[in-house]
Amino acid sequence: MTFRPLHDRVVVRRIEAQEKTAGGIIIPDTAKEKPQEGEIIAVGPGARDESGRVTPLDLKVGDRVLFGKWSGTEVRIDGQDLLIMKESDIMGVVEQIAEAQKAA
């Protein structure tokens, strides 16, 4: 099944948190919090302004993003747990350092 979000909504797949801390301590499942980082897997066409023109989204498929702990609506599509949220719920895009250095 394919899913296409409407307007300024995006579909996000959570990126699982690491199992160990930097010091090597293993974190049990009961102590883990839901990850607040994810990957965009689908984007809507954009929001309409007052004149009816569509304003495209700044996000694209494949972007790694940070979002709020309680952002979005959890859904299950094709056995995957996903989040549907508005673009405004996303705090920012996480860029890899190597990619940022290439652009500079």
C-alpha atoms as a PDB file:
ATOM      1  CA  MET A   1       0.000   0.000   0.000  1.00  0.00           C
ATOM      2  CA  THR A   2       1.185   3.524  -0.694  1.00  0.00           C
ATOM      3  CA  PHE A   3       0.233   6.480   1.453  1.00  0.00           C
ATOM      4  CA  ARG A   4       0.318  10.104   0.300  1.00  0.00           C
ATOM      5  CA  PRO A   5      -0.120  12.753   3.000  1.00  0.00           C
ATOM      6  CA  LEU A   6      -2.270  15.778   2.233  1.00  0.00           C
ATOM      7  CA  HIS A   7      -1.441  19.478   2.453  1.00  0.00           C
ATOM      8  CA  ASP A   8       1.511  20.293   4.761  1.00  0.00           C
ATOM      9  CA  ARG A   9       1.724  16.890   6.428  1.00  0.00           C
ATOM     10  CA  VAL A  10       4.665  14.484   6.389  1.00  0.00           C
ATOM     11  CA  VAL A  11       5.095  10.802   7.240  1.00  0.00           C
ATOM     12  CA  VAL A  12       8.017  10.035   9.555  1.00  0.00           C
ATOM     13  CA  ARG A  13       9.627   6.728  10.552  1.00  0.00           C
ATOM     14  CA  ARG A  14      11.276   6.930  13.973  1.00  0.00           C
ATOM     15  CA  ILE A  15      14.991   6.157  14.092  1.00  0.00           C
ATOM     16  CA  GLU A  16      15.606   3.813  16.996  1.00  0.00           C
ATOM     17  CA  ALA A  17      17.682   5.102  19.890  1.00  0.00           C
ATOM     18  CA  GLN A  18      21.022   3.514  20.677  1.00  0.00           C
ATOM     19  CA  GLU A  19      21.068   0.496  22.966  1.00  0.00           C
ATOM     20  CA  LYS A  20      24.159   1.706  24.868  1.00  0.00           C
ATOM     21  CA  THR A  21      25.303   4.981  26.372  1.00  0.00           C
ATOM     22  CA  ALA A  22      28.614   6.561  25.385  1.00  0.00           C
ATOM     23  CA  GLY A  23      30.168   4.938  28.468  1.00  0.00           C
ATOM     24  CA  GLY A  24      29.047   1.457  27.370  1.00  0.00           C
ATOM     25  CA  ILE A  25      26.093   1.029  29.753  1.00  0.00           C
ATOM     26  CA  ILE A  26      23.279  -0.992  28.161  1.00  0.00           C
ATOM     27  CA  ILE A  27      19.886   0.725  28.437  1.00  0.00           C
ATOM     28  CA  PRO A  28      17.000  -1.668  29.270  1.00  0.00           C
ATOM     29  CA  ASP A  29      13.786  -1.459  27.203  1.00  0.00           C
ATOM     30  CA  THR A  30      11.801  -0.202  30.202  1.00  0.00           C
ATOM     31  CA  ALA A  31      14.091   2.835  30.587  1.00  0.00           C
ATOM     32  CA  LYS A  32      14.111   3.867  26.929  1.00  0.00           C
ATOM     33  CA  GLU A  33      12.187   6.892  25.778  1.00  0.00           C
ATOM     34  CA  LYS A  34      10.602   7.205  22.369  1.00  0.00           C
ATOM     35  CA  PRO A  35      13.136   8.553  19.882  1.00  0.00           C
ATOM     36  CA  GLN A  36      12.630  12.146  18.799  1.00  0.00           C
ATOM     37  CA  GLU A  37      14.562  11.687  15.578  1.00  0.00           C
ATOM     38  CA  GLY A  38      13.156  10.243  12.386  1.00  0.00           C
ATOM     39  CA  GLU A  39      13.378   9.936   8.636  1.00  0.00           C
ATOM     40  CA  ILE A  40      10.865  11.522   6.268  1.00  0.00           C
ATOM     41  CA  ILE A  41       9.327   8.836   4.050  1.00  0.00           C
ATOM     42  CA  ALA A  42       6.539  10.867   2.382  1.00  0.00           C
ATOM     43  CA  VAL A  43       5.590  14.535   2.053  1.00  0.00           C
ATOM     44  CA  GLY A  44       2.406  16.290   1.038  1.00  0.00           C
ATOM     45  CA  PRO A  45       2.227  18.845  -1.789  1.00  0.00           C
ATOM     46  CA  GLY A  46       2.224  21.853   0.560  1.00  0.00           C
ATOM     47  CA  ALA A  47      -0.088  24.269   2.342  1.00  0.00           C
ATOM     48  CA  ARG A  48      -2.408  26.685   0.571  1.00  0.00           C
ATOM     49  CA  ASP A  49      -2.153  30.367   1.354  1.00  0.00           C
ATOM     50  CA  GLU A  50      -5.078  32.800   1.502  1.00  0.00           C
ATOM     51  CA  SER A  51      -5.033  33.330  -2.261  1.00  0.00           C
ATOM     52  CA  GLY A  52      -5.208  29.564  -2.927  1.00  0.00           C
ATOM     53  CA  ARG A  53      -1.617  29.083  -4.104  1.00  0.00           C
ATOM     54  CA  VAL A  54       0.243  26.011  -2.881  1.00  0.00           C
ATOM     55  CA  THR A  55       3.412  26.732  -0.893  1.00  0.00           C
ATOM     56  CA  PRO A  56       5.745  23.715  -1.216  1.00  0.00           C
ATOM     57  CA  LEU A  57       7.302  22.145   1.888  1.00  0.00           C
ATOM     58  CA  ASP A  58      10.942  22.656   2.881  1.00  0.00           C
ATOM     59  CA  LEU A  59      11.284  18.943   3.687  1.00  0.00           C
ATOM     60  CA  LYS A  60      11.944  16.118   1.254  1.00  0.00           C
ATOM     61  CA  VAL A  61      11.917  12.329   1.396  1.00  0.00           C
ATOM     62  CA  GLY A  62      15.056  11.020   3.114  1.00  0.00           C
ATOM     63  CA  ASP A  63      15.613  14.015   5.417  1.00  0.00           C
ATOM     64  CA  ARG A  64      16.535  13.163   9.024  1.00  0.00           C
ATOM     65  CA  VAL A  65      14.521  15.397  11.326  1.00  0.00           C
ATOM     66  CA  LEU A  66      13.991  16.193  15.008  1.00  0.00           C
ATOM     67  CA  PHE A  67      10.472  16.550  16.384  1.00  0.00           C
ATOM     68  CA  GLY A  68       8.747  16.996  19.738  1.00  0.00           C
ATOM     69  CA  LYS A  69       8.197  14.102  22.110  1.00  0.00           C
ATOM     70  CA  TRP A  70       4.403  14.212  21.707  1.00  0.00           C
ATOM     71  CA  SER A  71       4.261  15.384  18.079  1.00  0.00           C
ATOM     72  CA  GLY A  72       2.220  13.685  15.395  1.00  0.00           C
ATOM     73  CA  THR A  73      -0.311  10.902  15.199  1.00  0.00           C
ATOM     74  CA  GLU A  74       0.930   7.322  15.418  1.00  0.00           C
ATOM     75  CA  VAL A  75      -0.331   5.011  12.661  1.00  0.00           C
ATOM     76  CA  ARG A  76       0.512   1.517  11.455  1.00  0.00           C
ATOM     77  CA  ILE A  77       0.908   1.111   7.673  1.00  0.00           C
ATOM     78  CA  ASP A  78       2.096  -2.178   6.149  1.00  0.00           C
ATOM     79  CA  GLY A  79       3.283  -3.377   9.571  1.00  0.00           C
ATOM     80  CA  GLN A  80       5.423  -0.276  10.195  1.00  0.00           C
ATOM     81  CA  ASP A  81       4.837   2.135  13.057  1.00  0.00           C
ATOM     82  CA  LEU A  82       4.867   5.616  11.533  1.00  0.00           C
ATOM     83  CA  LEU A  83       4.007   9.175  12.535  1.00  0.00           C
ATOM     84  CA  ILE A  84       1.936  11.636  10.538  1.00  0.00           C
ATOM     85  CA  MET A  85       2.551  15.258  11.494  1.00  0.00           C
ATOM     86  CA  LYS A  86       2.425  18.767  10.139  1.00  0.00           C
ATOM     87  CA  GLU A  87       5.610  20.341   8.863  1.00  0.00           C
ATOM     88  CA  SER A  88       5.345  22.935  11.655  1.00  0.00           C
ATOM     89  CA  ASP A  89       5.747  20.126  14.267  1.00  0.00           C
ATOM     90  CA  ILE A  90       9.253  19.447  12.968  1.00  0.00           C
ATOM     91  CA  MET A  91      11.990  21.356  14.778  1.00  0.00           C
ATOM     92  CA  GLY A  92      14.726  20.956  12.190  1.00  0.00           C
ATOM     93  CA  VAL A  93      16.687  18.820   9.762  1.00  0.00           C
ATOM     94  CA  VAL A  94      19.748  16.913  10.997  1.00  0.00           C
ATOM     95  CA  GLU A  95      22.558  17.154   8.461  1.00  0.00           C
ATOM     96  CA  GLN A  96      25.570  14.882   8.468  1.00  0.00           C
ATOM     97  CA  ILE A  97      28.855  16.713   9.061  1.00  0.00           C
ATOM     98  CA  ALA A  98      30.438  15.277   5.899  1.00  0.00           C
ATOM     99  CA  GLU A  99      27.529  16.579   3.786  1.00  0.00           C
ATOM    100  CA  ALA A 100      27.742  20.027   5.390  1.00  0.00           C
ATOM    101  CA  GLN A 101      31.492  20.209   4.687  1.00  0.00           C
ATOM    102  CA  LYS A 102      30.941  19.255   1.011  1.00  0.00           C
ATOM    103  CA  ALA A 103      28.481  22.114   0.589  1.00  0.00           C
ATOM    104  CA  ALA A 104      30.904  24.654   2.118  1.00  0.00           C
END
